[in-house]
């Protein structure tokens, strides 16, 4: 059985190399210099070595998450190509999709002008901030205004409340790219081996954002870490899976190896994680009536 994932997602250079191998495996692949340049920029951004950006200070939405989502996105692009899925994506469109996933969480990054706290305070606004980063950085790489709009729309799709069908996609291909980026965002994080251990860290990001916005405790999505943990299996089965199948056009199917009936390593990893989480839920203290 193949190791999943087949690269250490803590190592940016290793993930970058693996993504290039996957993309070069696409039948009609082309030049990867655009991906290489933006990958290098994003790596430097998250390390605090690019312009005024500070190093990423989050432990859940960290650079590893971006690498995990980017790896999954590359596999989706290659899987769709092998399956001759329609609409077919041009090489340039695939590159735009890769740029979108690389930049989709750049809105968590902070500069000195953002003041105190961590990037977690921008949890509810990071998608908008990410589109601003993409719009400001991509022109210098020769990405045209219509292409930038494709990237921005794909990033917008990753918002939990976003409805990709109501966004003004310029083509069916643009909608598919949004579906792929958002699928990669969900699957990349939830299939990670340490996902069950990261849920309390994720809760703390929500809490900082709620505190920053002054949201009253009784109006918060999650009031404590156990609340988030208890609701995670339902989140996967009733929210994410529904979106994957319908809104995101079932593109996760192209991760099956071989397509269409082979095992899907991402789904298998997530089901293992959900089983671990459910075991831990059984050991949690009973919820009080006031919690």
Foldseek 3Di string as FASTA:
>chain_A
DADVPNFPLVDLVRLVVLLVVLQVPQPPADDCVLVVVLSVQLVCLCPCNHDQWRHADADQPHQSLLSLLLSQLSLLLSLCRVVVHPPNDDNVLSSLLSSLSSQLQSLLIDGVVVPDDGSLLCVQPSLVSSLVVLVVPCVVSVQDPLSSVLSNLLSQLQRLPDQNVPDDDPDPSSSLSSLSSNLSSVLSQLLDLCNLVCQQSVVVSQVSNCVSVVPDLVPGPDNHSLRSLVCVVVCVPPPVVVCCVPRSVVSLCSQAVVPRPHDRSSVVSNVVSNVVSVVVNVVDDDDDPVD
